[in-house]
Amino acid sequence: MRALCWNGVNDLSVETVADPGLLNPHDAIIRVRLTTTCGSDLHVIDGLIPSMREGDILGHEFMGEVVEVGRAVKNIRRGDRVVVPSFISCGSCWYCQHQLPSCCDNTHPQWEKGETVLGHATGGIYAYSHAFGGYAGSHAEYVRVPFADNDCFVVPEGVTDEQALFLSDATPTGYMGADFCNIHPGDTVVVWVWGCGGVGLMTQQSAWLMGAHQVIGIDRYPERLAMARDFAGSITLDYTEVDINEALLELTGGRGPDSCIDAVGMEARGEGLSQVYDKTKQMLHLETDVGAALRQALYACRKGGNIAILGVYGVMDKFPLGLMINKNLTIRTAQQHGQRYMHRLLEHVARNELNPAFMATHRFPLEEAPRGYEMFKHKEDGCVRAVFVP
């Protein structure tokens, strides 16, 4: 089959590789119908996530058609159209039973590497280095899905392929972030979201669904800010044109936002000397992260407020722990728990309450995936997500 492979830092190519096969009776083989780029992929491509190997297949956000199932698979069958969360969950361990599937104890085949890096191994994830399981990714014609009964969700009639595609990762990540903010219908909750990429846009839509009183999106790209206004109904701020802290105070009557969500992560862009400091340390491999968005969110949030961290981080210094303690902030963060939210999200989409398909701004055949990533990485032509069709 053909697949997009990582050959080194910023070196991608589409290669002919071996077809995946069933390794376990609980496996399924999925013919990929659509797969898409994600900001987390850029961390891998840029060499910020260690333990990638030459030839690793990229991609973790996908949907497709079941073409083969193991003898123990009961809930899906050949021909089913399915969406698959990016983190792999066994469904039976303590963490999966407690609605924490990305922390699964049984899906990291190289658990000792996870423990070395994180103290405890997470669940496995497709195409996110060997520190996270070494699983082959979805930018390919076919992909093996372990624990298929737990991880393959049948897409109902009326939900399109493109809508289902973004339920694999971007939408549940954003929905989880809004869920972390403890929003209740009728509350006058003000939610500020740093970043208007795919996850940030889904966070904003989800915050409205949960009953937020006001939602504000922060970014610097005009086309993304326009999407936040048009598709999420958010107030928008361009951080290159306004002082964010002053704007936040003005819009909240001097109190500050109730909840702040970082949907950017380790490659945030800051301003002034702090940006120079962070980028210099990143280039010297003294830290992996530029923490401008997270530090700004922590500073801006009102006392007693909520912080949800959705962006991916590695190693960052200058973390304002004293600020968090003295402001009584509640911090919640996680890799996305897709299995926890999938049925709810499919219902939202089926009822036209949520529609993530607008993020598919560009479509490419798989053979042109390297070009798709270049466009996605450099935000060319207003690219929010590049979708690949194997």
Protein backbone atom coordinates (compact mmCIF):
# COMPACT_ATOMS: atom_id res chain seq x y z
CA MET A 1 0.00 0.00 0.00
CA ARG A 2 0.98 3.66 -0.23
CA ALA A 3 1.61 5.68 2.92
CA LEU A 4 3.08 9.01 4.05
CA CYS A 5 6.34 8.31 5.90
CA TRP A 6 8.54 10.36 8.22
CA ASN A 7 12.18 10.12 7.11
CA GLY A 8 13.69 12.74 9.40
CA VAL A 9 13.04 16.27 10.58
CA ASN A 10 10.88 18.02 7.97
CA ASP A 11 11.47 15.17 5.52
CA LEU A 12 8.25 13.48 4.35
CA SER A 13 7.57 11.22 1.38
CA VAL A 14 4.86 8.88 0.14
CA GLU A 15 6.25 5.36 -0.05
CA THR A 16 5.14 1.82 -0.83
CA VAL A 17 5.01 -0.12 2.44
CA ALA A 18 3.66 -3.47 3.62
CA ASP A 19 -0.10 -3.80 4.11
CA PRO A 20 -1.16 -4.11 7.76
CA GLY A 21 -2.48 -7.46 8.96
CA LEU A 22 -4.45 -8.75 11.93
CA LEU A 23 -2.09 -9.31 14.87
CA ASN A 24 -4.71 -10.02 17.50
CA PRO A 25 -8.24 -11.49 17.35
CA HIS A 26 -9.59 -8.14 18.59
CA ASP A 27 -8.08 -6.20 15.64
CA ALA A 28 -9.77 -4.76 12.58
CA ILE A 29 -8.31 -3.50 9.31
CA ILE A 30 -9.79 -0.23 8.10
CA ARG A 31 -9.62 1.07 4.54
CA VAL A 32 -9.00 4.76 5.11
CA ARG A 33 -11.52 6.96 3.35
CA LEU A 34 -10.35 10.27 4.80
CA THR A 35 -7.46 11.30 7.05
CA THR A 36 -6.35 14.79 8.05
CA THR A 37 -3.50 16.87 9.36
CA CYS A 38 -3.33 17.95 13.00
CA GLY A 39 -1.23 20.54 14.76
CA SER A 40 0.24 17.75 16.90
CA ASP A 41 1.68 16.22 13.72
CA LEU A 42 3.85 19.29 13.30
CA HIS A 43 5.56 18.60 16.63
CA VAL A 44 6.55 15.18 15.27
CA ILE A 45 7.56 16.47 11.85
CA ASP A 46 9.67 19.26 13.37
CA GLY A 47 11.55 16.81 15.62
CA LEU A 48 10.14 18.13 18.90
CA ILE A 49 8.79 14.69 19.89
CA PRO A 50 11.63 12.18 20.40
CA SER A 51 11.79 8.50 19.40
CA MET A 52 10.50 8.74 15.82
CA ARG A 53 12.13 6.31 13.40
CA GLU A 54 12.79 6.60 9.70
CA GLY A 55 9.89 5.11 7.78
CA ASP A 56 7.24 5.62 10.47
CA ILE A 57 3.80 6.23 8.95
CA LEU A 58 2.21 9.53 9.99
CA GLY A 59 -1.39 10.48 10.82
CA HIS A 60 -3.78 9.90 13.72
CA GLU A 61 -7.10 11.46 12.71
CA PHE A 62 -9.17 9.32 10.33
CA MET A 63 -12.33 7.49 9.35
CA GLY A 64 -12.91 4.67 6.93
CA GLU A 65 -14.53 1.36 6.04
CA VAL A 66 -14.05 -1.96 7.82
CA VAL A 67 -12.53 -4.53 5.44
CA GLU A 68 -11.39 -7.26 7.85
CA VAL A 69 -12.07 -8.18 11.48
CA GLY A 70 -10.48 -10.57 13.95
CA ARG A 71 -12.43 -13.59 15.17
CA ALA A 72 -13.11 -11.95 18.58
CA VAL A 73 -14.62 -8.75 17.13
CA LYS A 74 -18.39 -8.62 17.68
CA ASN A 75 -19.65 -5.04 17.38
CA ILE A 76 -18.55 -4.14 13.85
CA ARG A 77 -18.48 -5.99 10.55
CA ARG A 78 -17.09 -5.67 7.06
CA GLY A 79 -18.54 -2.74 5.19
CA ASP A 80 -19.27 -0.63 8.26
CA ARG A 81 -18.34 3.04 7.97
CA VAL A 82 -16.49 3.95 11.16
CA VAL A 83 -14.65 6.77 12.91
CA VAL A 84 -11.74 5.90 15.20
CA PRO A 85 -10.42 8.06 18.11
CA SER A 86 -6.72 8.84 17.92
CA PHE A 87 -5.90 7.29 21.30
CA ILE A 88 -6.26 3.52 21.55
CA SER A 89 -8.34 2.17 24.43
CA CYS A 90 -8.83 -1.41 25.59
CA GLY A 91 -12.16 -0.63 27.26
CA SER A 92 -11.56 -2.90 30.24
CA CYS A 93 -8.68 -1.58 32.38
CA TRP A 94 -9.22 0.65 35.43
CA TYR A 95 -8.64 3.84 33.44
CA CYS A 96 -10.97 2.92 30.60
CA GLN A 97 -13.65 1.90 33.09
CA HIS A 98 -13.29 5.33 34.73
CA GLN A 99 -13.77 7.26 31.47
CA LEU A 100 -10.06 8.03 31.01
CA PRO A 101 -9.34 6.11 27.78
CA SER A 102 -6.22 8.07 26.76
CA CYS A 103 -4.64 6.78 30.00
CA CYS A 104 -5.33 3.15 29.07
CA ASP A 105 -3.05 0.61 30.77
CA ASN A 106 -3.15 -2.02 28.01
CA THR A 107 -2.52 -0.32 24.67
CA HIS A 108 1.10 0.81 24.97
CA PRO A 109 3.18 -2.10 23.64
CA GLN A 110 6.41 -0.37 24.69
CA TRP A 111 5.22 0.72 28.13
CA GLU A 112 8.74 0.99 29.54
CA LYS A 113 9.46 3.90 27.15
CA GLY A 114 6.32 5.67 28.30
CA GLU A 115 7.26 5.18 31.92
CA THR A 116 10.76 6.50 31.29
CA VAL A 117 9.43 9.69 29.74
CA LEU A 118 6.26 10.29 31.79
CA GLY A 119 6.48 8.20 34.95
CA HIS A 120 3.48 6.13 33.81
CA ALA A 121 2.76 4.97 30.28
CA THR A 122 -0.26 6.49 28.54
CA GLY A 123 -2.47 4.66 26.13
CA GLY A 124 -1.09 4.11 22.68
CA ILE A 125 -1.73 6.64 19.92
CA TYR A 126 -1.38 6.26 16.19
CA ALA A 127 1.78 7.73 14.66
CA TYR A 128 3.01 9.73 17.63
CA SER A 129 6.46 8.26 18.11
CA HIS A 130 7.65 5.10 19.83
CA ALA A 131 7.39 6.82 23.21
CA PHE A 132 3.62 6.59 22.66
CA GLY A 133 3.46 3.06 21.33
CA GLY A 134 5.01 3.13 17.87
CA TYR A 135 1.71 2.45 16.08
CA ALA A 136 1.52 2.95 12.32
CA GLY A 137 -0.52 5.97 11.35
CA SER A 138 -3.53 6.72 9.21
CA HIS A 139 -2.01 8.59 6.27
CA ALA A 140 -2.15 5.34 4.34
CA GLU A 141 -4.54 3.20 2.34
CA TYR A 142 -5.14 0.85 5.30
CA VAL A 143 -4.61 0.96 9.07
CA ARG A 144 -4.81 -1.68 11.79
CA VAL A 145 -7.13 -0.79 14.69
CA PRO A 146 -6.52 -2.76 17.92
CA PHE A 147 -9.46 -3.33 20.29
CA ALA A 148 -11.80 -2.63 17.40
CA ASP A 149 -15.00 -3.27 19.35
CA ASN A 150 -14.10 -0.46 21.72
CA ASP A 151 -12.45 1.95 19.30
CA CYS A 152 -14.47 1.75 16.06
CA PHE A 153 -17.70 3.77 16.13
CA VAL A 154 -20.22 3.18 13.35
CA VAL A 155 -21.11 6.42 11.57
CA PRO A 156 -24.90 6.78 11.26
CA GLU A 157 -26.71 7.67 8.06
CA GLY A 158 -26.93 11.41 7.66
CA VAL A 159 -23.44 12.07 9.04
CA THR A 160 -21.01 12.72 6.19
CA ASP A 161 -17.48 11.37 5.89
CA GLU A 162 -16.00 14.83 6.49
CA GLN A 163 -18.13 15.39 9.58
CA ALA A 164 -17.12 11.99 10.96
CA LEU A 165 -13.45 12.57 10.16
CA PHE A 166 -13.09 15.42 12.63
CA LEU A 167 -14.76 13.42 15.40
CA SER A 168 -11.58 11.34 15.48
CA ASP A 169 -9.54 13.98 17.32
CA ALA A 170 -10.17 17.71 16.84
CA THR A 171 -13.81 17.73 17.91
CA PRO A 172 -13.54 15.52 21.03
CA THR A 173 -10.45 17.46 22.09
CA GLY A 174 -12.31 20.76 21.84
CA TYR A 175 -15.44 19.32 23.45
CA MET A 176 -13.37 17.97 26.33
CA GLY A 177 -11.84 21.40 26.88
CA ALA A 178 -15.25 23.01 27.17
CA ASP A 179 -16.36 20.19 29.46
CA PHE A 180 -13.38 20.90 31.72
CA CYS A 181 -14.69 24.45 32.25
CA ASN A 182 -17.66 23.26 34.32
CA ILE A 183 -20.20 25.15 32.20
CA HIS A 184 -23.85 24.74 33.14
CA PRO A 185 -26.88 25.98 31.15
CA GLY A 186 -27.91 29.40 32.41
CA ASP A 187 -24.47 30.28 33.77
CA THR A 188 -22.97 33.58 32.69
CA VAL A 189 -19.69 31.84 31.95
CA VAL A 190 -17.18 33.73 29.84
CA VAL A 191 -14.83 31.40 27.95
CA TRP A 192 -11.67 32.62 26.28
CA VAL A 193 -9.95 30.32 23.81
CA TRP A 194 -6.35 30.86 22.78
CA GLY A 195 -6.05 29.58 19.20
CA CYS A 196 -8.58 29.38 16.35
CA GLY A 197 -7.23 26.32 14.60
CA GLY A 198 -9.25 23.12 14.39
CA VAL A 199 -9.27 22.35 18.11
CA GLY A 200 -9.86 25.96 19.12
CA LEU A 201 -12.81 26.30 16.75
CA MET A 202 -14.35 23.09 18.07
CA THR A 203 -13.80 24.30 21.65
CA GLN A 204 -15.69 27.50 20.88
CA GLN A 205 -18.63 25.66 19.28
CA SER A 206 -18.72 23.24 22.20
CA ALA A 207 -18.69 26.00 24.82
CA TRP A 208 -21.84 27.48 23.25
CA LEU A 209 -23.46 24.02 23.20
CA MET A 210 -22.82 23.68 26.92
CA GLY A 211 -24.39 27.04 27.74
CA ALA A 212 -21.59 29.61 27.82
CA HIS A 213 -22.74 33.23 28.07
CA GLN A 214 -19.88 34.63 26.01
CA VAL A 215 -17.11 32.99 23.94
CA ILE A 216 -14.02 34.80 22.68
CA GLY A 217 -11.41 33.42 20.26
CA ILE A 218 -7.84 34.75 20.11
CA ASP A 219 -5.52 34.32 17.11
CA ARG A 220 -3.54 36.34 14.59
CA TYR A 221 -4.64 34.86 11.25
CA PRO A 222 -7.55 36.82 9.69
CA GLU A 223 -9.06 33.76 8.01
CA ARG A 224 -9.13 31.82 11.29
CA LEU A 225 -10.62 34.72 13.17
CA ALA A 226 -13.27 34.96 10.44
CA MET A 227 -14.10 31.26 10.91
CA ALA A 228 -14.43 31.79 14.66
CA ARG A 229 -16.96 34.53 13.98
CA ASP A 230 -18.81 32.80 11.14
CA PHE A 231 -18.87 29.18 12.30
CA ALA A 232 -18.54 29.47 16.08
CA GLY A 233 -20.32 32.79 16.65
CA SER A 234 -17.45 34.03 18.81
CA ILE A 235 -16.13 37.49 19.55
CA THR A 236 -12.59 37.59 18.16
CA LEU A 237 -9.36 39.34 19.07
CA ASP A 238 -6.16 39.61 17.06
CA TYR A 239 -3.39 39.55 19.65
CA THR A 240 -1.02 41.42 17.31
CA GLU A 241 -3.38 44.39 17.26
CA VAL A 242 -4.68 44.66 20.83
CA ASP A 243 -3.36 44.19 24.33
CA ILE A 244 -5.06 40.93 25.25
CA ASN A 245 -5.08 41.50 29.00
CA GLU A 246 -6.61 44.95 28.64
CA ALA A 247 -9.20 43.63 26.18
CA LEU A 248 -10.12 40.79 28.51
CA LEU A 249 -10.66 43.11 31.43
CA GLU A 250 -12.75 45.49 29.35
CA LEU A 251 -15.00 42.72 28.02
CA THR A 252 -15.54 41.21 31.47
CA GLY A 253 -16.13 44.35 33.50
CA GLY A 254 -12.64 44.22 35.04
CA ARG A 255 -13.00 40.73 36.53
CA GLY A 256 -11.41 38.57 33.85
CA PRO A 257 -12.75 35.48 32.06
CA ASP A 258 -14.30 32.63 34.06
CA SER A 259 -12.48 30.01 31.97
CA CYS A 260 -9.42 30.14 29.74
CA ILE A 261 -8.57 27.38 27.29
CA ASP A 262 -5.17 26.91 25.68
CA ALA A 263 -5.76 25.27 22.30
CA VAL A 264 -2.30 26.14 20.95
CA GLY A 265 0.45 24.19 22.72
CA MET A 266 4.19 24.07 22.48
CA GLU A 267 4.60 26.09 19.27
CA ALA A 268 2.70 29.17 20.38
CA ARG A 269 3.83 32.53 19.13
CA GLY A 270 4.53 35.27 21.63
CA GLU A 271 5.69 38.86 21.38
CA GLY A 272 8.81 40.73 22.41
CA LEU A 273 11.66 39.43 24.56
CA SER A 274 9.73 36.45 25.93
CA GLN A 275 9.34 35.07 22.38
CA VAL A 276 13.06 35.50 21.70
CA TYR A 277 13.88 33.77 24.99
CA ASP A 278 11.59 30.80 24.34
CA LYS A 279 12.60 30.31 20.71
CA THR A 280 16.30 30.49 21.58
CA LYS A 281 15.95 27.80 24.25
CA GLN A 282 13.87 25.70 21.87
CA MET A 283 16.49 25.91 19.11
CA LEU A 284 19.24 24.98 21.59
CA HIS A 285 17.15 21.98 22.76
CA LEU A 286 17.06 23.35 26.31
CA GLU A 287 13.27 23.17 26.23
CA THR A 288 10.70 21.96 23.72
CA ASP A 289 7.99 24.53 24.29
CA VAL A 290 7.09 28.12 23.59
CA GLY A 291 4.67 28.79 26.42
CA ALA A 292 3.36 32.24 25.48
CA ALA A 293 -0.30 31.26 25.10
CA LEU A 294 -0.45 29.24 28.32
CA ARG A 295 1.27 31.89 30.42
CA GLN A 296 -1.04 34.56 29.04
CA ALA A 297 -4.12 32.43 29.79
CA LEU A 298 -2.99 31.85 33.37
CA TYR A 299 -2.34 35.56 33.86
CA ALA A 300 -5.66 36.66 32.36
CA CYS A 301 -8.04 34.23 34.07
CA ARG A 302 -10.11 35.62 36.93
CA LYS A 303 -9.46 34.53 40.51
CA GLY A 304 -11.03 31.16 41.19
CA GLY A 305 -11.37 30.49 37.46
CA ASN A 306 -10.78 27.41 35.31
CA ILE A 307 -7.88 26.67 33.00
CA ALA A 308 -8.12 23.89 30.40
CA ILE A 309 -4.90 22.96 28.62
CA LEU A 310 -5.52 21.17 25.33
CA GLY A 311 -2.32 22.07 23.49
CA VAL A 312 0.46 19.49 23.52
CA TYR A 313 3.47 20.33 25.72
CA GLY A 314 6.79 18.70 26.48
CA VAL A 315 9.34 20.56 28.63
CA MET A 316 8.82 24.22 29.56
CA ASP A 317 10.37 26.50 32.15
CA LYS A 318 9.13 29.89 33.40
CA PHE A 319 5.92 28.20 34.53
CA PRO A 320 4.07 30.59 36.92
CA LEU A 321 3.13 28.18 39.71
CA GLY A 322 2.88 30.94 42.31
CA LEU A 323 0.39 32.81 40.16
CA MET A 324 -1.80 29.69 39.92
CA ILE A 325 -1.76 29.13 43.67
CA ASN A 326 -2.46 32.71 44.66
CA LYS A 327 -5.29 33.09 42.15
CA ASN A 328 -6.95 29.82 43.22
CA LEU A 329 -7.03 28.51 39.66
CA THR A 330 -8.35 25.07 38.79
CA ILE A 331 -6.19 23.43 36.11
CA ARG A 332 -7.46 20.53 34.02
CA THR A 333 -5.66 18.92 31.13
CA ALA A 334 -5.57 15.62 29.26
CA GLN A 335 -4.95 13.98 25.97
CA GLN A 336 -8.36 13.65 24.37
CA HIS A 337 -10.78 11.03 25.66
CA GLY A 338 -12.49 10.38 22.34
CA GLN A 339 -14.28 7.20 23.38
CA ARG A 340 -15.83 9.04 26.31
CA TYR A 341 -17.54 11.63 24.11
CA MET A 342 -18.05 9.88 20.76
CA HIS A 343 -21.69 8.83 21.08
CA ARG A 344 -22.63 12.30 22.33
CA LEU A 345 -20.75 13.97 19.47
CA LEU A 346 -22.34 11.77 16.81
CA GLU A 347 -25.75 12.74 18.21
CA HIS A 348 -24.85 16.46 18.12
CA VAL A 349 -23.77 16.17 14.48
CA ALA A 350 -26.81 14.10 13.48
CA ARG A 351 -29.07 16.79 15.02
CA ASN A 352 -27.16 19.58 13.22
CA GLU A 353 -26.08 21.07 16.54
CA LEU A 354 -22.41 20.67 15.65
CA ASN A 355 -20.81 20.58 12.22
CA PRO A 356 -17.02 20.32 12.05
CA ALA A 357 -16.86 19.73 8.27
CA PHE A 358 -16.07 23.41 7.57
CA MET A 359 -12.50 22.77 8.80
CA ALA A 360 -11.74 20.77 5.64
CA THR A 361 -10.47 23.78 3.75
CA HIS A 362 -8.15 21.80 1.43
CA ARG A 363 -8.28 18.29 -0.02
CA PHE A 364 -5.41 16.33 -1.59
CA PRO A 365 -4.84 12.82 -2.89
CA LEU A 366 -2.53 10.90 -0.57
CA GLU A 367 0.29 11.16 -3.11
CA GLU A 368 0.33 14.93 -2.54
CA ALA A 369 0.37 14.72 1.26
CA PRO A 370 3.83 16.35 1.64
CA ARG A 371 2.49 19.40 -0.20
CA GLY A 372 -0.60 19.33 2.00
CA TYR A 373 1.55 19.47 5.12
CA GLU A 374 3.58 22.35 3.75
CA MET A 375 0.40 24.30 3.16
CA PHE A 376 -1.00 23.36 6.57
CA LYS A 377 2.22 24.18 8.43
CA HIS A 378 2.69 27.59 6.84
CA LYS A 379 -1.05 28.48 6.88
CA GLU A 380 -1.00 29.03 3.13
CA ASP A 381 -4.22 29.98 1.36
CA GLY A 382 -6.15 30.01 4.64
CA CYS A 383 -5.52 26.31 5.27
CA VAL A 384 -7.13 25.17 8.53
CA ARG A 385 -6.96 21.44 7.81
CA ALA A 386 -5.63 19.51 4.81
CA VAL A 387 -7.64 16.33 4.15
CA PHE A 388 -6.02 13.40 2.35
CA VAL A 389 -7.93 10.87 0.25
CA PRO A 390 -6.01 7.57 -0.14
